[in-house]
Amino acid sequence: MKRFLALLSPVSDKHEEIQMSFSGKTALVTGAAGGIGAAVVASLREQDVRVAVADRDVSGIEAEVHLPGDLLDTNYADGLPLAAHAALGRLDILVNNAGVISRGPVTETTDADWHLSVGVNVEAPFRICRAAIPLMARQGGGAIVNTSSCWGAKAPGSNHALYCMTKAAIASLTQCMGMDHAHQGIRINAVCPNEVNTPMLRTGFAKRGFDPDHAIAELGKTVPLGRIAEPEDIADVVLFLASDAARYLCGTLIEINGGKPVS
């Protein structure tokens, strides 16, 4: 994000204000122990944002506040924004990043797959947003960034029926909330990545019997930019959406695909 903001700083005083837009800000990041989540947390803290992190295990994450728990626990999800607000003194930025991938067609989807995917990918961010929005409204505004996907939000993908459905749901929810709460000074947007070089992607390749390094290299050949995304590529866009530089973006879905459409 500093690379992006550095391009703005010499242009004008207004851009200097944008560069300093994270001063005194606080954030809550879910899925903070994953590849994208960890990159988002590191980038926010690099901008001197005080961060509360949420995941099942947050013991290895450097942050100001640690809020471990299971997003399938509705009481935990409902209480996360207030817990972060209480610990940090306010809540300016919310990044709903936690997510799971279920592969296969509907006929191979179990009830357990449904419960996990809908619970983590849709119900948890719904509950967290529902609790965070009033807190942000009372302090005059805030920014929420949800993690959707090119798969589902922008186009369907084969053999990922449940995953695409949940990501389409969070994309639609983002657009609706973006319209409903703009008048409260709350900007709600979503990033829609394609393939990202994360531990979750690598584990998925390994479970299917592929060498992760070779599989990722081959996958990169299908991307016009020549590689799949790194977590930092997504984190930079998340920070942009959370910053004042994105002050006129609301209810927007930003596709981050390296030029590769879903097929």
C-alpha atoms as a PDB file:
ATOM      1  CA  MET A   1       0.000   0.000   0.000  1.00  0.00           C
ATOM      2  CA  LYS A   2       2.879   2.378   0.691  1.00  0.00           C
ATOM      3  CA  ARG A   3       3.994   1.806  -2.887  1.00  0.00           C
ATOM      4  CA  PHE A   4       0.581   2.980  -4.070  1.00  0.00           C
ATOM      5  CA  LEU A   5       0.417   5.951  -1.704  1.00  0.00           C
ATOM      6  CA  ALA A   6       3.956   7.032  -2.535  1.00  0.00           C
ATOM      7  CA  LEU A   7       2.810   7.694  -6.083  1.00  0.00           C
ATOM      8  CA  LEU A   8       0.262  10.150  -4.765  1.00  0.00           C
ATOM      9  CA  SER A   9       2.352  12.097  -2.267  1.00  0.00           C
ATOM     10  CA  PRO A  10       4.235  14.546  -4.531  1.00  0.00           C
ATOM     11  CA  VAL A  11       1.201  15.644  -6.524  1.00  0.00           C
ATOM     12  CA  SER A  12      -0.721  17.985  -4.215  1.00  0.00           C
ATOM     13  CA  ASP A  13      -1.675  18.824  -0.663  1.00  0.00           C
ATOM     14  CA  LYS A  14      -4.918  16.921  -1.170  1.00  0.00           C
ATOM     15  CA  HIS A  15      -2.992  13.803  -2.073  1.00  0.00           C
ATOM     16  CA  GLU A  16      -0.843  14.310   0.998  1.00  0.00           C
ATOM     17  CA  GLU A  17      -4.026  14.204   3.061  1.00  0.00           C
ATOM     18  CA  ILE A  18      -4.958  10.928   1.372  1.00  0.00           C
ATOM     19  CA  GLN A  19      -1.545   9.529   2.193  1.00  0.00           C
ATOM     20  CA  MET A  20      -2.172  10.282   5.881  1.00  0.00           C
ATOM     21  CA  SER A  21      -5.715   8.914   5.835  1.00  0.00           C
ATOM     22  CA  PHE A  22      -4.883   5.933   8.062  1.00  0.00           C
ATOM     23  CA  SER A  23      -3.621   8.090  10.924  1.00  0.00           C
ATOM     24  CA  GLY A  24      -5.330   7.042  14.158  1.00  0.00           C
ATOM     25  CA  LYS A  25      -7.436   4.373  12.438  1.00  0.00           C
ATOM     26  CA  THR A  26      -8.389   0.976  13.842  1.00  0.00           C
ATOM     27  CA  ALA A  27      -9.386  -2.236  12.082  1.00  0.00           C
ATOM     28  CA  LEU A  28     -10.863  -5.684  12.603  1.00  0.00           C
ATOM     29  CA  VAL A  29      -9.669  -8.423  10.228  1.00  0.00           C
ATOM     30  CA  THR A  30     -11.207 -11.906  10.110  1.00  0.00           C
ATOM     31  CA  GLY A  31      -9.395 -14.875   8.640  1.00  0.00           C
ATOM     32  CA  ALA A  32      -6.266 -13.123   9.845  1.00  0.00           C
ATOM     33  CA  ALA A  33      -4.131 -16.264  10.009  1.00  0.00           C
ATOM     34  CA  GLY A  34      -4.593 -17.111   6.318  1.00  0.00           C
ATOM     35  CA  GLY A  35      -2.485 -15.947   3.404  1.00  0.00           C
ATOM     36  CA  ILE A  36      -4.536 -12.918   2.369  1.00  0.00           C
ATOM     37  CA  GLY A  37      -5.546 -12.112   5.931  1.00  0.00           C
ATOM     38  CA  ALA A  38      -1.969 -12.087   7.179  1.00  0.00           C
ATOM     39  CA  ALA A  39      -0.948  -9.808   4.293  1.00  0.00           C
ATOM     40  CA  VAL A  40      -3.838  -7.434   5.054  1.00  0.00           C
ATOM     41  CA  VAL A  41      -2.921  -7.283   8.739  1.00  0.00           C
ATOM     42  CA  ALA A  42       0.754  -6.621   7.980  1.00  0.00           C
ATOM     43  CA  SER A  43      -0.116  -3.903   5.462  1.00  0.00           C
ATOM     44  CA  LEU A  44      -2.554  -2.181   7.827  1.00  0.00           C
ATOM     45  CA  ARG A  45      -0.036  -2.190  10.664  1.00  0.00           C
ATOM     46  CA  GLU A  46       2.602  -0.846   8.276  1.00  0.00           C
ATOM     47  CA  GLN A  47       0.283   2.156   7.922  1.00  0.00           C
ATOM     48  CA  ASP A  48       0.128   2.469  11.742  1.00  0.00           C
ATOM     49  CA  VAL A  49      -3.425   1.148  11.905  1.00  0.00           C
ATOM     50  CA  ARG A  50      -4.177  -0.563  15.224  1.00  0.00           C
ATOM     51  CA  VAL A  51      -5.569  -3.986  14.351  1.00  0.00           C
ATOM     52  CA  ALA A  52      -7.743  -6.581  16.056  1.00  0.00           C
ATOM     53  CA  VAL A  53      -7.323 -10.025  14.499  1.00  0.00           C
ATOM     54  CA  ALA A  54      -9.868 -12.852  14.445  1.00  0.00           C
ATOM     55  CA  ASP A  55      -9.309 -16.481  13.485  1.00  0.00           C
ATOM     56  CA  ARG A  56      -9.413 -19.875  15.149  1.00  0.00           C
ATOM     57  CA  ASP A  57      -5.741 -19.490  16.124  1.00  0.00           C
ATOM     58  CA  VAL A  58      -4.224 -16.006  16.203  1.00  0.00           C
ATOM     59  CA  SER A  59      -1.297 -16.798  18.496  1.00  0.00           C
ATOM     60  CA  GLY A  60       1.314 -16.280  15.774  1.00  0.00           C
ATOM     61  CA  ILE A  61      -0.027 -12.984  14.440  1.00  0.00           C
ATOM     62  CA  GLU A  62       1.443  -9.627  15.421  1.00  0.00           C
ATOM     63  CA  ALA A  63      -1.462  -7.319  16.238  1.00  0.00           C
ATOM     64  CA  GLU A  64      -2.740  -5.035  18.965  1.00  0.00           C
ATOM     65  CA  VAL A  65      -5.739  -7.210  19.856  1.00  0.00           C
ATOM     66  CA  HIS A  66      -6.234 -10.966  19.503  1.00  0.00           C
ATOM     67  CA  LEU A  67      -9.793 -12.324  19.318  1.00  0.00           C
ATOM     68  CA  PRO A  68      -9.612 -16.078  18.655  1.00  0.00           C
ATOM     69  CA  GLY A  69     -12.766 -18.057  17.989  1.00  0.00           C
ATOM     70  CA  ASP A  70     -14.889 -20.046  15.566  1.00  0.00           C
ATOM     71  CA  LEU A  71     -16.987 -18.049  13.098  1.00  0.00           C
ATOM     72  CA  LEU A  72     -19.559 -20.849  13.091  1.00  0.00           C
ATOM     73  CA  ASP A  73     -20.308 -19.819  16.690  1.00  0.00           C
ATOM     74  CA  THR A  74     -23.000 -17.187  16.151  1.00  0.00           C
ATOM     75  CA  ASN A  75     -22.362 -15.556  19.524  1.00  0.00           C
ATOM     76  CA  TYR A  76     -18.702 -15.121  18.629  1.00  0.00           C
ATOM     77  CA  ALA A  77     -19.489 -13.634  15.211  1.00  0.00           C
ATOM     78  CA  ASP A  78     -22.151 -11.333  16.636  1.00  0.00           C
ATOM     79  CA  GLY A  79     -19.783 -10.067  19.327  1.00  0.00           C
ATOM     80  CA  LEU A  80     -16.604  -9.537  17.299  1.00  0.00           C
ATOM     81  CA  PRO A  81     -17.159  -5.869  16.298  1.00  0.00           C
ATOM     82  CA  LEU A  82     -18.069  -4.821  19.833  1.00  0.00           C
ATOM     83  CA  ALA A  83     -15.077  -6.709  21.249  1.00  0.00           C
ATOM     84  CA  ALA A  84     -12.752  -4.982  18.763  1.00  0.00           C
ATOM     85  CA  HIS A  85     -14.386  -1.610  19.448  1.00  0.00           C
ATOM     86  CA  ALA A  86     -14.023  -2.061  23.201  1.00  0.00           C
ATOM     87  CA  ALA A  87     -10.367  -3.038  22.928  1.00  0.00           C
ATOM     88  CA  LEU A  88      -9.354  -0.417  20.359  1.00  0.00           C
ATOM     89  CA  GLY A  89     -11.634   2.454  21.420  1.00  0.00           C
ATOM     90  CA  ARG A  90     -13.329   2.696  18.003  1.00  0.00           C
ATOM     91  CA  LEU A  91     -13.771   0.699  14.804  1.00  0.00           C
ATOM     92  CA  ASP A  92     -12.914   2.410  11.514  1.00  0.00           C
ATOM     93  CA  ILE A  93     -12.204  -0.512   9.188  1.00  0.00           C
ATOM     94  CA  LEU A  94     -13.686  -3.992   8.963  1.00  0.00           C
ATOM     95  CA  VAL A  95     -12.192  -6.614   6.639  1.00  0.00           C
ATOM     96  CA  ASN A  96     -14.351  -9.733   6.337  1.00  0.00           C
ATOM     97  CA  ASN A  97     -11.677 -11.945   4.861  1.00  0.00           C
ATOM     98  CA  ALA A  98     -12.357 -15.392   6.350  1.00  0.00           C
ATOM     99  CA  GLY A  99     -13.443 -17.974   3.796  1.00  0.00           C
ATOM    100  CA  VAL A 100     -13.467 -21.652   2.915  1.00  0.00           C
ATOM    101  CA  ILE A 101     -13.551 -23.496  -0.421  1.00  0.00           C
ATOM    102  CA  SER A 102     -15.799 -26.464  -1.122  1.00  0.00           C
ATOM    103  CA  ARG A 103     -15.119 -28.189  -4.441  1.00  0.00           C
ATOM    104  CA  GLY A 104     -17.408 -30.322  -6.583  1.00  0.00           C
ATOM    105  CA  PRO A 105     -20.911 -30.248  -8.036  1.00  0.00           C
ATOM    106  CA  VAL A 106     -24.077 -30.108  -5.931  1.00  0.00           C
ATOM    107  CA  THR A 107     -24.450 -33.891  -6.066  1.00  0.00           C
ATOM    108  CA  GLU A 108     -21.139 -34.287  -4.232  1.00  0.00           C
ATOM    109  CA  THR A 109     -21.881 -31.608  -1.628  1.00  0.00           C
ATOM    110  CA  THR A 110     -22.604 -32.851   1.887  1.00  0.00           C
ATOM    111  CA  ASP A 111     -24.649 -31.193   4.598  1.00  0.00           C
ATOM    112  CA  ALA A 112     -21.373 -30.577   6.447  1.00  0.00           C
ATOM    113  CA  ASP A 113     -19.961 -28.806   3.375  1.00  0.00           C
ATOM    114  CA  TRP A 114     -23.099 -26.650   3.219  1.00  0.00           C
ATOM    115  CA  HIS A 115     -23.001 -25.777   6.920  1.00  0.00           C
ATOM    116  CA  LEU A 116     -19.308 -24.818   6.829  1.00  0.00           C
ATOM    117  CA  SER A 117     -19.370 -22.847   3.556  1.00  0.00           C
ATOM    118  CA  VAL A 118     -22.576 -20.924   4.197  1.00  0.00           C
ATOM    119  CA  GLY A 119     -21.629 -20.360   7.835  1.00  0.00           C
ATOM    120  CA  VAL A 120     -18.155 -18.953   7.186  1.00  0.00           C
ATOM    121  CA  ASN A 121     -18.582 -17.336   3.758  1.00  0.00           C
ATOM    122  CA  VAL A 122     -22.043 -15.790   4.194  1.00  0.00           C
ATOM    123  CA  GLU A 123     -23.584 -15.940   7.658  1.00  0.00           C
ATOM    124  CA  ALA A 124     -20.495 -14.810   9.578  1.00  0.00           C
ATOM    125  CA  PRO A 125     -19.828 -11.670   7.483  1.00  0.00           C
ATOM    126  CA  PHE A 126     -23.574 -10.909   7.575  1.00  0.00           C
ATOM    127  CA  ARG A 127     -23.578 -11.070  11.370  1.00  0.00           C
ATOM    128  CA  ILE A 128     -20.327  -9.133  11.703  1.00  0.00           C
ATOM    129  CA  CYS A 129     -21.516  -6.367   9.364  1.00  0.00           C
ATOM    130  CA  ARG A 130     -24.855  -6.192  11.152  1.00  0.00           C
ATOM    131  CA  ALA A 131     -23.056  -5.603  14.441  1.00  0.00           C
ATOM    132  CA  ALA A 132     -20.339  -3.288  13.059  1.00  0.00           C
ATOM    133  CA  ILE A 133     -22.502  -0.879  11.063  1.00  0.00           C
ATOM    134  CA  PRO A 134     -24.245   0.727  14.074  1.00  0.00           C
ATOM    135  CA  LEU A 135     -20.864   1.195  15.795  1.00  0.00           C
ATOM    136  CA  MET A 136     -19.437   2.893  12.714  1.00  0.00           C
ATOM    137  CA  ALA A 137     -22.553   5.004  12.208  1.00  0.00           C
ATOM    138  CA  ARG A 138     -22.361   6.377  15.753  1.00  0.00           C
ATOM    139  CA  GLN A 139     -18.765   7.519  15.205  1.00  0.00           C
ATOM    140  CA  GLY A 140     -19.537   9.141  11.836  1.00  0.00           C
ATOM    141  CA  GLY A 141     -18.617   6.439   9.346  1.00  0.00           C
ATOM    142  CA  GLY A 142     -16.187   3.722   8.405  1.00  0.00           C
ATOM    143  CA  ALA A 143     -15.112   1.330   5.680  1.00  0.00           C
ATOM    144  CA  ILE A 144     -15.999  -2.333   5.239  1.00  0.00           C
ATOM    145  CA  VAL A 145     -14.197  -4.572   2.747  1.00  0.00           C
ATOM    146  CA  ASN A 146     -15.578  -8.039   2.123  1.00  0.00           C
ATOM    147  CA  THR A 147     -13.749 -10.815   0.305  1.00  0.00           C
ATOM    148  CA  SER A 148     -15.835 -12.275  -2.485  1.00  0.00           C
ATOM    149  CA  SER A 149     -14.358 -13.956  -5.573  1.00  0.00           C
ATOM    150  CA  CYS A 150     -14.290 -13.818  -9.354  1.00  0.00           C
ATOM    151  CA  TRP A 151     -15.849 -17.275  -8.991  1.00  0.00           C
ATOM    152  CA  GLY A 152     -19.493 -16.570  -8.319  1.00  0.00           C
ATOM    153  CA  ALA A 153     -19.449 -12.810  -7.922  1.00  0.00           C
ATOM    154  CA  LYS A 154     -18.438 -12.146 -11.519  1.00  0.00           C
ATOM    155  CA  ALA A 155     -18.972 -15.494 -13.266  1.00  0.00           C
ATOM    156  CA  PRO A 156     -19.862 -19.079 -12.366  1.00  0.00           C
ATOM    157  CA  GLY A 157     -17.168 -21.723 -12.292  1.00  0.00           C
ATOM    158  CA  SER A 158     -17.420 -25.456 -12.873  1.00  0.00           C
ATOM    159  CA  ASN A 159     -17.155 -27.967 -10.021  1.00  0.00           C
ATOM    160  CA  HIS A 160     -17.384 -25.256  -7.351  1.00  0.00           C
ATOM    161  CA  ALA A 161     -21.162 -24.943  -7.012  1.00  0.00           C
ATOM    162  CA  LEU A 162     -21.318 -24.236  -3.286  1.00  0.00           C
ATOM    163  CA  TYR A 163     -18.284 -21.951  -3.268  1.00  0.00           C
ATOM    164  CA  CYS A 164     -19.589 -19.897  -6.193  1.00  0.00           C
ATOM    165  CA  MET A 165     -23.017 -19.623  -4.598  1.00  0.00           C
ATOM    166  CA  THR A 166     -21.641 -18.298  -1.326  1.00  0.00           C
ATOM    167  CA  LYS A 167     -19.314 -15.832  -3.029  1.00  0.00           C
ATOM    168  CA  ALA A 168     -22.179 -14.578  -5.189  1.00  0.00           C
ATOM    169  CA  ALA A 169     -24.195 -14.127  -2.004  1.00  0.00           C
ATOM    170  CA  ILE A 170     -21.542 -12.029  -0.264  1.00  0.00           C
ATOM    171  CA  ALA A 171     -21.094  -9.964  -3.425  1.00  0.00           C
ATOM    172  CA  SER A 172     -24.828  -9.220  -3.586  1.00  0.00           C
ATOM    173  CA  LEU A 173     -24.934  -8.481   0.132  1.00  0.00           C
ATOM    174  CA  THR A 174     -22.031  -6.060  -0.311  1.00  0.00           C
ATOM    175  CA  GLN A 175     -23.821  -4.190  -3.089  1.00  0.00           C
ATOM    176  CA  CYS A 176     -27.046  -3.956  -1.092  1.00  0.00           C
ATOM    177  CA  MET A 177     -25.311  -2.777   2.074  1.00  0.00           C
ATOM    178  CA  GLY A 178     -23.257  -0.323   0.041  1.00  0.00           C
ATOM    179  CA  MET A 179     -26.445   1.414  -1.035  1.00  0.00           C
ATOM    180  CA  ASP A 180     -28.253   1.084   2.290  1.00  0.00           C
ATOM    181  CA  HIS A 181     -25.540   2.566   4.496  1.00  0.00           C
ATOM    182  CA  ALA A 182     -23.774   5.104   2.301  1.00  0.00           C
ATOM    183  CA  HIS A 183     -25.829   7.883   3.891  1.00  0.00           C
ATOM    184  CA  GLN A 184     -24.249   6.970   7.229  1.00  0.00           C
ATOM    185  CA  GLY A 185     -20.757   7.570   5.877  1.00  0.00           C
ATOM    186  CA  ILE A 186     -20.033   3.843   5.695  1.00  0.00           C
ATOM    187  CA  ARG A 187     -18.456   2.621   2.457  1.00  0.00           C
ATOM    188  CA  ILE A 188     -18.941  -1.089   1.837  1.00  0.00           C
ATOM    189  CA  ASN A 189     -17.077  -2.733  -1.046  1.00  0.00           C
ATOM    190  CA  ALA A 190     -15.629  -6.122  -1.952  1.00  0.00           C
ATOM    191  CA  VAL A 191     -12.532  -7.549  -3.558  1.00  0.00           C
ATOM    192  CA  CYS A 192     -13.038 -10.431  -5.980  1.00  0.00           C
ATOM    193  CA  PRO A 193      -9.758 -12.323  -6.427  1.00  0.00           C
ATOM    194  CA  ASN A 194      -9.127 -15.161  -8.839  1.00  0.00           C
ATOM    195  CA  GLU A 195      -6.455 -17.729  -7.893  1.00  0.00           C
ATOM    196  CA  VAL A 196      -4.115 -16.583  -5.095  1.00  0.00           C
ATOM    197  CA  ASN A 197      -0.922 -18.271  -3.886  1.00  0.00           C
ATOM    198  CA  THR A 198      -2.112 -19.025  -0.360  1.00  0.00           C
ATOM    199  CA  PRO A 199      -1.626 -21.975   2.013  1.00  0.00           C
ATOM    200  CA  MET A 200      -5.285 -22.899   1.360  1.00  0.00           C
ATOM    201  CA  LEU A 201      -4.660 -23.183  -2.393  1.00  0.00           C
ATOM    202  CA  ARG A 202      -1.459 -25.143  -1.860  1.00  0.00           C
ATOM    203  CA  THR A 203      -3.154 -27.519   0.567  1.00  0.00           C
ATOM    204  CA  GLY A 204      -5.918 -28.089  -1.947  1.00  0.00           C
ATOM    205  CA  PHE A 205      -3.408 -29.083  -4.620  1.00  0.00           C
ATOM    206  CA  ALA A 206      -1.582 -31.399  -2.211  1.00  0.00           C
ATOM    207  CA  LYS A 207      -4.830 -33.124  -1.182  1.00  0.00           C
ATOM    208  CA  ARG A 208      -5.543 -33.872  -4.829  1.00  0.00           C
ATOM    209  CA  GLY A 209      -2.088 -35.386  -5.327  1.00  0.00           C
ATOM    210  CA  PHE A 210      -0.399 -32.469  -7.116  1.00  0.00           C
ATOM    211  CA  ASP A 211       2.946 -30.882  -6.278  1.00  0.00           C
ATOM    212  CA  PRO A 212       1.881 -27.371  -5.155  1.00  0.00           C
ATOM    213  CA  ASP A 213       4.889 -25.556  -6.635  1.00  0.00           C
ATOM    214  CA  HIS A 214       4.481 -27.216 -10.032  1.00  0.00           C
ATOM    215  CA  ALA A 215       0.697 -26.761 -10.012  1.00  0.00           C
ATOM    216  CA  ILE A 216       0.973 -23.059  -9.188  1.00  0.00           C
ATOM    217  CA  ALA A 217       3.607 -22.535 -11.875  1.00  0.00           C
ATOM    218  CA  GLU A 218       1.373 -24.241 -14.443  1.00  0.00           C
ATOM    219  CA  LEU A 219      -1.634 -22.245 -13.277  1.00  0.00           C
ATOM    220  CA  GLY A 220       0.375 -19.055 -13.702  1.00  0.00           C
ATOM    221  CA  LYS A 221       0.790 -19.845 -17.400  1.00  0.00           C
ATOM    222  CA  THR A 222      -2.986 -19.435 -17.827  1.00  0.00           C
ATOM    223  CA  VAL A 223      -2.884 -15.839 -16.526  1.00  0.00           C
ATOM    224  CA  PRO A 224      -2.171 -13.008 -19.001  1.00  0.00           C
ATOM    225  CA  LEU A 225       0.109 -11.323 -16.449  1.00  0.00           C
ATOM    226  CA  GLY A 226       2.105 -14.561 -16.224  1.00  0.00           C
ATOM    227  CA  ARG A 227       1.473 -15.556 -12.622  1.00  0.00           C
ATOM    228  CA  ILE A 228      -1.333 -16.050 -10.159  1.00  0.00           C
ATOM    229  CA  ALA A 229      -1.814 -13.399  -7.473  1.00  0.00           C
ATOM    230  CA  GLU A 230       0.239 -13.194  -4.309  1.00  0.00           C
ATOM    231  CA  PRO A 231      -1.574 -12.284  -1.062  1.00  0.00           C
ATOM    232  CA  GLU A 232       0.040  -8.836  -1.129  1.00  0.00           C
ATOM    233  CA  ASP A 233      -1.608  -8.133  -4.507  1.00  0.00           C
ATOM    234  CA  ILE A 234      -4.994  -8.527  -2.832  1.00  0.00           C
ATOM    235  CA  ALA A 235      -3.968  -6.727   0.355  1.00  0.00           C
ATOM    236  CA  ASP A 236      -2.992  -3.592  -1.590  1.00  0.00           C
ATOM    237  CA  VAL A 237      -6.476  -3.386  -3.109  1.00  0.00           C
ATOM    238  CA  VAL A 238      -8.094  -4.002   0.291  1.00  0.00           C
ATOM    239  CA  LEU A 239      -6.111  -1.118   1.749  1.00  0.00           C
ATOM    240  CA  PHE A 240      -7.055   1.108  -1.169  1.00  0.00           C
ATOM    241  CA  LEU A 241     -10.743   0.402  -0.538  1.00  0.00           C
ATOM    242  CA  ALA A 242     -10.297   1.068   3.164  1.00  0.00           C
ATOM    243  CA  SER A 243      -8.526   4.383   2.534  1.00  0.00           C
ATOM    244  CA  ASP A 244      -9.814   7.847   1.705  1.00  0.00           C
ATOM    245  CA  ALA A 245      -8.371   7.372  -1.778  1.00  0.00           C
ATOM    246  CA  ALA A 246     -11.461   5.210  -2.411  1.00  0.00           C
ATOM    247  CA  ARG A 247     -13.805   7.789  -0.882  1.00  0.00           C
ATOM    248  CA  TYR A 248     -16.261   7.641  -3.822  1.00  0.00           C
ATOM    249  CA  LEU A 249     -16.421   3.847  -4.130  1.00  0.00           C
ATOM    250  CA  CYS A 250     -19.446   2.266  -2.504  1.00  0.00           C
ATOM    251  CA  GLY A 251     -21.081  -1.077  -3.207  1.00  0.00           C
ATOM    252  CA  THR A 252     -18.315  -1.844  -5.704  1.00  0.00           C
ATOM    253  CA  LEU A 253     -16.922  -5.268  -6.610  1.00  0.00           C
ATOM    254  CA  ILE A 254     -13.301  -5.090  -7.723  1.00  0.00           C
ATOM    255  CA  GLU A 255     -12.116  -8.048  -9.784  1.00  0.00           C
ATOM    256  CA  ILE A 256      -8.449  -8.925  -9.214  1.00  0.00           C
ATOM    257  CA  ASN A 257      -7.631 -11.519 -11.839  1.00  0.00           C
ATOM    258  CA  GLY A 258      -4.408 -10.647 -13.676  1.00  0.00           C
ATOM    259  CA  GLY A 259      -6.466 -10.492 -16.858  1.00  0.00           C
ATOM    260  CA  LYS A 260      -7.767 -14.069 -16.527  1.00  0.00           C
ATOM    261  CA  PRO A 261     -11.547 -14.564 -16.683  1.00  0.00           C
ATOM    262  CA  VAL A 262     -13.270 -17.405 -14.871  1.00  0.00           C
ATOM    263  CA  SER A 263     -13.830 -20.330 -17.233  1.00  0.00           C
END
